[in-house]
PDB file of N, CA and C in Angstrom:
ATOM      1  N   MET A   1       0.446  -1.185  -0.141  1.00  0.00           N
ATOM      2  CA  MET A   1      -0.370  -0.488   0.368  1.00  0.00           C
ATOM      3  C   MET A   1       0.837   0.977   0.399  1.00  0.00           C
ATOM      4  N   SER A   2       0.610   2.346  -0.590  1.00  0.00           N
ATOM      5  CA  SER A   2       0.986   3.813  -0.424  1.00  0.00           C
ATOM      6  C   SER A   2       0.749   4.384   0.284  1.00  0.00           C
ATOM      7  N   GLU A   3       1.770   5.244   0.749  1.00  0.00           N
ATOM      8  CA  GLU A   3       1.119   6.072   1.691  1.00  0.00           C
ATOM      9  C   GLU A   3       0.890   7.545   1.187  1.00  0.00           C
ATOM     10  N   ILE A   4      -0.094   8.366   1.767  1.00  0.00           N
ATOM     11  CA  ILE A   4      -0.814   9.279   1.459  1.00  0.00           C
ATOM     12  C   ILE A   4       0.349  10.714   2.009  1.00  0.00           C
ATOM     13  N   PRO A   5       0.814  11.371   0.669  1.00  0.00           N
ATOM     14  CA  PRO A   5       1.601  12.409   0.746  1.00  0.00           C
ATOM     15  C   PRO A   5       1.513  13.145   1.967  1.00  0.00           C
ATOM     16  N   THR A   6       2.837  13.604   3.070  1.00  0.00           N
ATOM     17  CA  THR A   6       1.438  14.944   3.696  1.00  0.00           C
ATOM     18  C   THR A   6       2.849  15.966   3.718  1.00  0.00           C
ATOM     19  N   VAL A   7       2.326  17.318   3.903  1.00  0.00           N
ATOM     20  CA  VAL A   7       3.688  18.372   4.131  1.00  0.00           C
ATOM     21  C   VAL A   7       3.110  18.583   5.525  1.00  0.00           C
ATOM     22  N   VAL A   8       4.242  19.063   6.161  1.00  0.00           N
ATOM     23  CA  VAL A   8       4.083  19.776   7.719  1.00  0.00           C
ATOM     24  C   VAL A   8       4.851  21.059   7.381  1.00  0.00           C
ATOM     25  N   THR A   9       4.043  22.085   7.796  1.00  0.00           N
ATOM     26  CA  THR A   9       4.293  23.201   7.886  1.00  0.00           C
ATOM     27  C   THR A   9       4.356  24.160   9.304  1.00  0.00           C
ATOM     28  N   PRO A  10       5.617  25.131   9.449  1.00  0.00           N
ATOM     29  CA  PRO A  10       5.322  26.210  10.407  1.00  0.00           C
ATOM     30  C   PRO A  10       3.778  26.207  10.539  1.00  0.00           C
ATOM     31  N   THR A  11       3.317  26.695  11.906  1.00  0.00           N
ATOM     32  CA  THR A  11       2.450  27.520  12.709  1.00  0.00           C
ATOM     33  C   THR A  11       2.714  29.126  12.294  1.00  0.00           C
ATOM     34  N   LYS A  12       3.098  29.137  12.603  1.00  0.00           N
ATOM     35  CA  LYS A  12       3.678  31.367  11.990  1.00  0.00           C
ATOM     36  C   LYS A  12       3.596  31.444  10.302  1.00  0.00           C
ATOM     37  N   ASP A  13       3.910  30.445  10.081  1.00  0.00           N
ATOM     38  CA  ASP A  13       4.106  30.657   8.050  1.00  0.00           C
ATOM     39  C   ASP A  13       2.994  30.211   7.643  1.00  0.00           C
ATOM     40  N   PHE A  14       2.076  28.991   8.305  1.00  0.00           N
ATOM     41  CA  PHE A  14       0.713  28.676   7.942  1.00  0.00           C
ATOM     42  C   PHE A  14      -0.113  30.089   8.272  1.00  0.00           C
ATOM     43  N   LYS A  15      -0.113  31.137   9.067  1.00  0.00           N
ATOM     44  CA  LYS A  15      -0.432  32.022   9.734  1.00  0.00           C
ATOM     45  C   LYS A  15      -0.397  33.396   8.863  1.00  0.00           C
ATOM     46  N   LYS A  16       0.553  33.401   8.467  1.00  0.00           N
ATOM     47  CA  LYS A  16       0.621  34.228   7.628  1.00  0.00           C
ATOM     48  C   LYS A  16       0.146  34.240   5.997  1.00  0.00           C
ATOM     49  N   LEU A  17       0.457  32.844   5.817  1.00  0.00           N
ATOM     50  CA  LEU A  17      -0.052  32.119   4.287  1.00  0.00           C
ATOM     51  C   LEU A  17      -1.565  32.915   4.127  1.00  0.00           C
ATOM     52  N   MET A  18      -2.406  32.269   5.332  1.00  0.00           N
ATOM     53  CA  MET A  18      -3.813  32.235   5.320  1.00  0.00           C
ATOM     54  C   MET A  18      -4.013  33.540   5.567  1.00  0.00           C
ATOM     55  N   GLU A  19      -3.418  34.560   6.229  1.00  0.00           N
ATOM     56  CA  GLU A  19      -3.972  36.358   6.562  1.00  0.00           C
ATOM     57  C   GLU A  19      -3.392  36.981   5.003  1.00  0.00           C
ATOM     58  N   LYS A  20      -2.691  36.416   4.186  1.00  0.00           N
ATOM     59  CA  LYS A  20      -2.634  37.642   3.255  1.00  0.00           C
ATOM     60  C   LYS A  20      -3.955  36.325   1.909  1.00  0.00           C
ATOM     61  N   LEU A  21      -4.133  35.272   1.962  1.00  0.00           N
ATOM     62  CA  LEU A  21      -5.259  34.394   1.346  1.00  0.00           C
ATOM     63  C   LEU A  21      -6.854  35.414   1.550  1.00  0.00           C
ATOM     64  N   ASP A  22      -6.356  35.708   3.002  1.00  0.00           N
ATOM     65  CA  ASP A  22      -7.957  36.366   3.078  1.00  0.00           C
ATOM     66  C   ASP A  22      -7.747  37.335   2.918  1.00  0.00           C
ATOM     67  N   GLU A  23      -6.508  38.579   2.901  1.00  0.00           N
ATOM     68  CA  GLU A  23      -7.341  39.465   2.437  1.00  0.00           C
ATOM     69  C   GLU A  23      -7.114  40.185   0.861  1.00  0.00           C
ATOM     70  N   LEU A  24      -6.650  39.162   0.012  1.00  0.00           N
ATOM     71  CA  LEU A  24      -6.478  38.716  -1.349  1.00  0.00           C
ATOM     72  C   LEU A  24      -8.244  38.280  -0.970  1.00  0.00           C
ATOM     73  N   GLU A  25      -8.859  37.730  -0.641  1.00  0.00           N
ATOM     74  CA  GLU A  25     -10.456  37.113  -0.812  1.00  0.00           C
ATOM     75  C   GLU A  25     -10.833  38.431  -0.624  1.00  0.00           C
ATOM     76  N   GLU A  26     -10.662  39.484   0.680  1.00  0.00           N
ATOM     77  CA  GLU A  26     -11.293  40.520   1.023  1.00  0.00           C
ATOM     78  C   GLU A  26     -11.510  41.338  -0.417  1.00  0.00           C
ATOM     79  N   LYS A  27     -10.554  41.506  -0.942  1.00  0.00           N
ATOM     80  CA  LYS A  27     -10.231  42.376  -2.193  1.00  0.00           C
ATOM     81  C   LYS A  27     -11.150  41.935  -3.340  1.00  0.00           C
ATOM     82  N   VAL A  28     -10.600  40.849  -4.092  1.00  0.00           N
ATOM     83  CA  VAL A  28     -11.689  40.258  -5.135  1.00  0.00           C
ATOM     84  C   VAL A  28     -13.297  40.653  -4.661  1.00  0.00           C
ATOM     85  N   GLU A  29     -13.754  40.057  -3.325  1.00  0.00           N
ATOM     86  CA  GLU A  29     -15.736  40.003  -2.756  1.00  0.00           C
ATOM     87  C   GLU A  29     -15.650  41.830  -3.330  1.00  0.00           C
ATOM     88  N   ASN A  30     -14.744  42.662  -2.875  1.00  0.00           N
ATOM     89  CA  ASN A  30     -14.911  44.088  -2.987  1.00  0.00           C
ATOM     90  C   ASN A  30     -14.896  44.586  -3.924  1.00  0.00           C
ATOM     91  N   THR A  31     -14.172  43.883  -5.319  1.00  0.00           N
ATOM     92  CA  THR A  31     -14.655  43.705  -7.122  1.00  0.00           C
ATOM     93  C   THR A  31     -15.282  44.019  -7.007  1.00  0.00           C
ATOM     94  N   ASN A  32     -15.881  42.400  -7.048  1.00  0.00           N
ATOM     95  CA  ASN A  32     -16.790  41.617  -7.662  1.00  0.00           C
ATOM     96  C   ASN A  32     -18.190  42.450  -7.125  1.00  0.00           C
ATOM     97  N   ALA A  33     -18.440  43.275  -6.134  1.00  0.00           N
ATOM     98  CA  ALA A  33     -19.311  43.675  -5.416  1.00  0.00           C
ATOM     99  C   ALA A  33     -19.629  45.247  -6.799  1.00  0.00           C
ATOM    100  N   GLU A  34     -18.344  45.871  -6.442  1.00  0.00           N
ATOM    101  CA  GLU A  34     -18.196  47.073  -7.190  1.00  0.00           C
ATOM    102  C   GLU A  34     -18.784  46.604  -8.525  1.00  0.00           C
ATOM    103  N   ILE A  35     -17.963  45.599  -9.240  1.00  0.00           N
ATOM    104  CA  ILE A  35     -18.573  45.890 -10.744  1.00  0.00           C
ATOM    105  C   ILE A  35     -19.944  45.214 -10.708  1.00  0.00           C
ATOM    106  N   PHE A  36     -20.493  45.075 -10.037  1.00  0.00           N
ATOM    107  CA  PHE A  36     -22.336  44.381  -9.896  1.00  0.00           C
ATOM    108  C   PHE A  36     -22.825  45.561  -9.776  1.00  0.00           C
ATOM    109  N   GLN A  37     -22.354  46.242  -8.560  1.00  0.00           N
ATOM    110  CA  GLN A  37     -22.972  47.597  -8.193  1.00  0.00           C
ATOM    111  C   GLN A  37     -23.076  47.966 -10.045  1.00  0.00           C
ATOM    112  N   ARG A  38     -21.764  48.507 -10.429  1.00  0.00           N
ATOM    113  CA  ARG A  38     -22.088  49.964 -11.739  1.00  0.00           C
ATOM    114  C   ARG A  38     -23.100  49.231 -12.320  1.00  0.00           C
ATOM    115  N   ALA A  39     -23.219  47.400 -12.600  1.00  0.00           N
ATOM    116  CA  ALA A  39     -23.971  46.900 -13.549  1.00  0.00           C
ATOM    117  C   ALA A  39     -25.854  47.249 -12.994  1.00  0.00           C
ATOM    118  N   GLY A  40     -26.097  47.218 -11.648  1.00  0.00           N
ATOM    119  CA  GLY A  40     -27.186  47.502 -10.664  1.00  0.00           C
ATOM    120  C   GLY A  40     -27.560  48.991 -11.305  1.00  0.00           C
ATOM    121  N   LYS A  41     -26.645  49.550 -11.585  1.00  0.00           N
ATOM    122  CA  LYS A  41     -26.746  50.681 -11.595  1.00  0.00           C
ATOM    123  C   LYS A  41     -27.009  51.644 -13.208  1.00  0.00           C
ATOM    124  N   LYS A  42     -26.383  50.584 -14.289  1.00  0.00           N
ATOM    125  CA  LYS A  42     -26.670  50.527 -15.948  1.00  0.00           C
ATOM    126  C   LYS A  42     -28.117  50.133 -15.650  1.00  0.00           C
ATOM    127  N   VAL A  43     -28.778  48.937 -15.672  1.00  0.00           N
ATOM    128  CA  VAL A  43     -29.833  48.633 -15.254  1.00  0.00           C
ATOM    129  C   VAL A  43     -31.260  49.229 -15.222  1.00  0.00           C
ATOM    130  N   GLY A  44     -31.068  49.898 -13.774  1.00  0.00           N
ATOM    131  CA  GLY A  44     -31.340  50.629 -13.620  1.00  0.00           C
ATOM    132  C   GLY A  44     -31.725  51.953 -14.086  1.00  0.00           C
ATOM    133  N   ARG A  45     -30.659  52.703 -14.821  1.00  0.00           N
ATOM    134  CA  ARG A  45     -30.773  54.010 -15.516  1.00  0.00           C
ATOM    135  C   ARG A  45     -31.620  53.230 -17.098  1.00  0.00           C
ATOM    136  N   ASP A  46     -31.480  52.115 -17.281  1.00  0.00           N
ATOM    137  CA  ASP A  46     -32.172  51.912 -18.459  1.00  0.00           C
ATOM    138  C   ASP A  46     -33.952  51.330 -18.366  1.00  0.00           C
ATOM    139  N   VAL A  47     -33.916  51.331 -16.844  1.00  0.00           N
ATOM    140  CA  VAL A  47     -35.598  50.543 -16.676  1.00  0.00           C
ATOM    141  C   VAL A  47     -35.723  52.228 -16.535  1.00  0.00           C
ATOM    142  N   GLY A  48     -35.198  52.829 -16.039  1.00  0.00           N
ATOM    143  CA  GLY A  48     -35.927  53.976 -15.773  1.00  0.00           C
ATOM    144  C   GLY A  48     -36.026  55.087 -16.861  1.00  0.00           C
ATOM    145  N   ILE A  49     -34.987  54.991 -17.858  1.00  0.00           N
ATOM    146  CA  ILE A  49     -35.462  55.690 -19.513  1.00  0.00           C
ATOM    147  C   ILE A  49     -36.644  54.846 -20.250  1.00  0.00           C
ATOM    148  N   ALA A  50     -36.820  53.489 -19.981  1.00  0.00           N
ATOM    149  CA  ALA A  50     -37.854  52.830 -20.657  1.00  0.00           C
ATOM    150  C   ALA A  50     -39.512  53.196 -19.884  1.00  0.00           C
ATOM    151  N   TYR A  51     -39.131  53.644 -18.326  1.00  0.00           N
ATOM    152  CA  TYR A  51     -40.809  54.004 -17.718  1.00  0.00           C
ATOM    153  C   TYR A  51     -40.603  55.270 -18.873  1.00  0.00           C
ATOM    154  N   GLY A  52     -39.767  55.887 -18.484  1.00  0.00           N
ATOM    155  CA  GLY A  52     -40.319  57.397 -18.648  1.00  0.00           C
ATOM    156  C   GLY A  52     -40.393  57.466 -20.333  1.00  0.00           C
ATOM    157  N   LEU A  53     -39.921  56.829 -21.161  1.00  0.00           N
ATOM    158  CA  LEU A  53     -40.602  56.870 -22.507  1.00  0.00           C
ATOM    159  C   LEU A  53     -41.935  56.368 -22.599  1.00  0.00           C
ATOM    160  N   ILE A  54     -41.990  55.779 -22.315  1.00  0.00           N
ATOM    161  CA  ILE A  54     -43.833  54.623 -22.093  1.00  0.00           C
ATOM    162  C   ILE A  54     -44.563  55.563 -21.509  1.00  0.00           C
ATOM    163  N   ILE A  55     -44.532  56.512 -20.251  1.00  0.00           N
ATOM    164  CA  ILE A  55     -45.291  57.290 -19.832  1.00  0.00           C
ATOM    165  C   ILE A  55     -45.367  58.302 -20.206  1.00  0.00           C
ATOM    166  N   GLY A  56     -44.248  59.261 -21.092  1.00  0.00           N
ATOM    167  CA  GLY A  56     -43.892  60.002 -22.407  1.00  0.00           C
ATOM    168  C   GLY A  56     -45.414  59.739 -23.303  1.00  0.00           C
ATOM    169  N   THR A  57     -45.291  58.826 -23.252  1.00  0.00           N
ATOM    170  CA  THR A  57     -45.785  58.083 -24.643  1.00  0.00           C
ATOM    171  C   THR A  57     -47.414  58.462 -24.158  1.00  0.00           C
ATOM    172  N   ILE A  58     -47.671  56.919 -23.347  1.00  0.00           N
ATOM    173  CA  ILE A  58     -49.532  57.620 -22.811  1.00  0.00           C
ATOM    174  C   ILE A  58     -50.031  59.385 -22.627  1.00  0.00           C
ATOM    175  N   ILE A  59     -48.787  59.925 -22.239  1.00  0.00           N
ATOM    176  CA  ILE A  59     -49.346  60.980 -21.186  1.00  0.00           C
ATOM    177  C   ILE A  59     -49.648  62.013 -23.041  1.00  0.00           C
ATOM    178  N   SER A  60     -48.702  61.529 -23.968  1.00  0.00           N
ATOM    179  CA  SER A  60     -48.957  62.467 -25.215  1.00  0.00           C
ATOM    180  C   SER A  60     -50.308  62.164 -25.864  1.00  0.00           C
ATOM    181  N   VAL A  61     -50.376  61.069 -26.001  1.00  0.00           N
ATOM    182  CA  VAL A  61     -51.415  60.281 -26.870  1.00  0.00           C
ATOM    183  C   VAL A  61     -52.602  60.709 -26.149  1.00  0.00           C
ATOM    184  N   VAL A  62     -52.814  60.410 -24.730  1.00  0.00           N
ATOM    185  CA  VAL A  62     -54.195  60.525 -23.643  1.00  0.00           C
ATOM    186  C   VAL A  62     -54.245  62.017 -23.569  1.00  0.00           C
ATOM    187  N   LEU A  63     -53.518  62.725 -23.396  1.00  0.00           N
ATOM    188  CA  LEU A  63     -53.979  64.359 -22.562  1.00  0.00           C
ATOM    189  C   LEU A  63     -54.452  64.621 -23.886  1.00  0.00           C
ATOM    190  N   PRO A  64     -54.305  64.925 -25.100  1.00  0.00           N
ATOM    191  CA  PRO A  64     -54.811  65.683 -26.085  1.00  0.00           C
ATOM    192  C   PRO A  64     -56.172  64.862 -26.569  1.00  0.00           C
ATOM    193  N   ASN A  65     -56.257  64.021 -26.205  1.00  0.00           N
ATOM    194  CA  ASN A  65     -57.736  63.706 -25.959  1.00  0.00           C
ATOM    195  C   ASN A  65     -59.165  63.708 -25.257  1.00  0.00           C
ATOM    196  N   LEU A  66     -57.718  64.333 -23.877  1.00  0.00           N
ATOM    197  CA  LEU A  66     -58.587  64.440 -22.468  1.00  0.00           C
ATOM    198  C   LEU A  66     -59.155  65.703 -22.743  1.00  0.00           C
ATOM    199  N   LEU A  67     -58.463  66.306 -23.207  1.00  0.00           N
ATOM    200  CA  LEU A  67     -58.816  68.021 -23.410  1.00  0.00           C
ATOM    201  C   LEU A  67     -60.056  68.212 -24.694  1.00  0.00           C
ATOM    202  N   ASN A  68     -59.914  67.394 -25.186  1.00  0.00           N
ATOM    203  CA  ASN A  68     -61.237  67.733 -26.341  1.00  0.00           C
ATOM    204  C   ASN A  68     -62.510  66.953 -25.651  1.00  0.00           C
ATOM    205  N   ILE A  69     -62.338  66.266 -25.094  1.00  0.00           N
ATOM    206  CA  ILE A  69     -63.564  65.270 -24.278  1.00  0.00           C
ATOM    207  C   ILE A  69     -64.066  66.358 -23.122  1.00  0.00           C
ATOM    208  N   MET A  70     -63.099  67.448 -22.800  1.00  0.00           N
ATOM    209  CA  MET A  70     -63.147  68.653 -21.775  1.00  0.00           C
ATOM    210  C   MET A  70     -63.806  69.753 -22.889  1.00  0.00           C
ATOM    211  N   GLN A  71     -63.352  69.832 -23.536  1.00  0.00           N
ATOM    212  CA  GLN A  71     -64.017  70.827 -24.448  1.00  0.00           C
ATOM    213  C   GLN A  71     -65.339  70.686 -24.905  1.00  0.00           C
ATOM    214  N   LEU A  72     -65.534  69.233 -24.750  1.00  0.00           N
ATOM    215  CA  LEU A  72     -66.937  69.290 -25.486  1.00  0.00           C
ATOM    216  C   LEU A  72     -68.052  69.406 -24.522  1.00  0.00           C
ATOM    217  N   ILE A  73     -67.506  69.062 -23.126  1.00  0.00           N
ATOM    218  CA  ILE A  73     -68.603  69.051 -22.039  1.00  0.00           C
ATOM    219  C   ILE A  73     -68.774  70.164 -21.876  1.00  0.00           C
ATOM    220  N   MET A  74     -67.863  71.390 -22.101  1.00  0.00           N
ATOM    221  CA  MET A  74     -67.662  72.368 -21.530  1.00  0.00           C
ATOM    222  C   MET A  74     -68.599  73.110 -22.768  1.00  0.00           C
ATOM    223  N   LYS A  75     -68.788  72.536 -23.804  1.00  0.00           N
ATOM    224  CA  LYS A  75     -69.894  73.438 -25.127  1.00  0.00           C
ATOM    225  C   LYS A  75     -71.007  73.053 -24.705  1.00  0.00           C
ATOM    226  N   MET A  76     -71.089  72.127 -24.360  1.00  0.00           N
ATOM    227  CA  MET A  76     -72.595  71.514 -24.026  1.00  0.00           C
ATOM    228  C   MET A  76     -72.797  71.690 -22.794  1.00  0.00           C
ATOM    229  N   SER A  77     -72.320  72.090 -22.004  1.00  0.00           N
ATOM    230  CA  SER A  77     -72.787  73.032 -20.571  1.00  0.00           C
ATOM    231  C   SER A  77     -73.450  73.965 -20.874  1.00  0.00           C
ATOM    232  N   GLN A  78     -72.704  74.672 -21.468  1.00  0.00           N
ATOM    233  CA  GLN A  78     -73.234  76.613 -22.003  1.00  0.00           C
ATOM    234  C   GLN A  78     -74.454  76.370 -22.872  1.00  0.00           C
TER     235      GLN A  78
END
């Protein structure tokens, strides 16, 4: 039977390596968070533009018709 290879590292070196890895992991997480935040802002802006266009179109179609109806009502009441 073959033995499983093992490595023995000094505790101080291992702790230093783990601290460095933790720092790198934190930097990567922060970078990913910033990337996703920027993507979210872009999507939010695009959705806002789309909503604005839709509401503007609805207002530009409905408002003139509503004004015509109000004018007819005013004429009928006189």
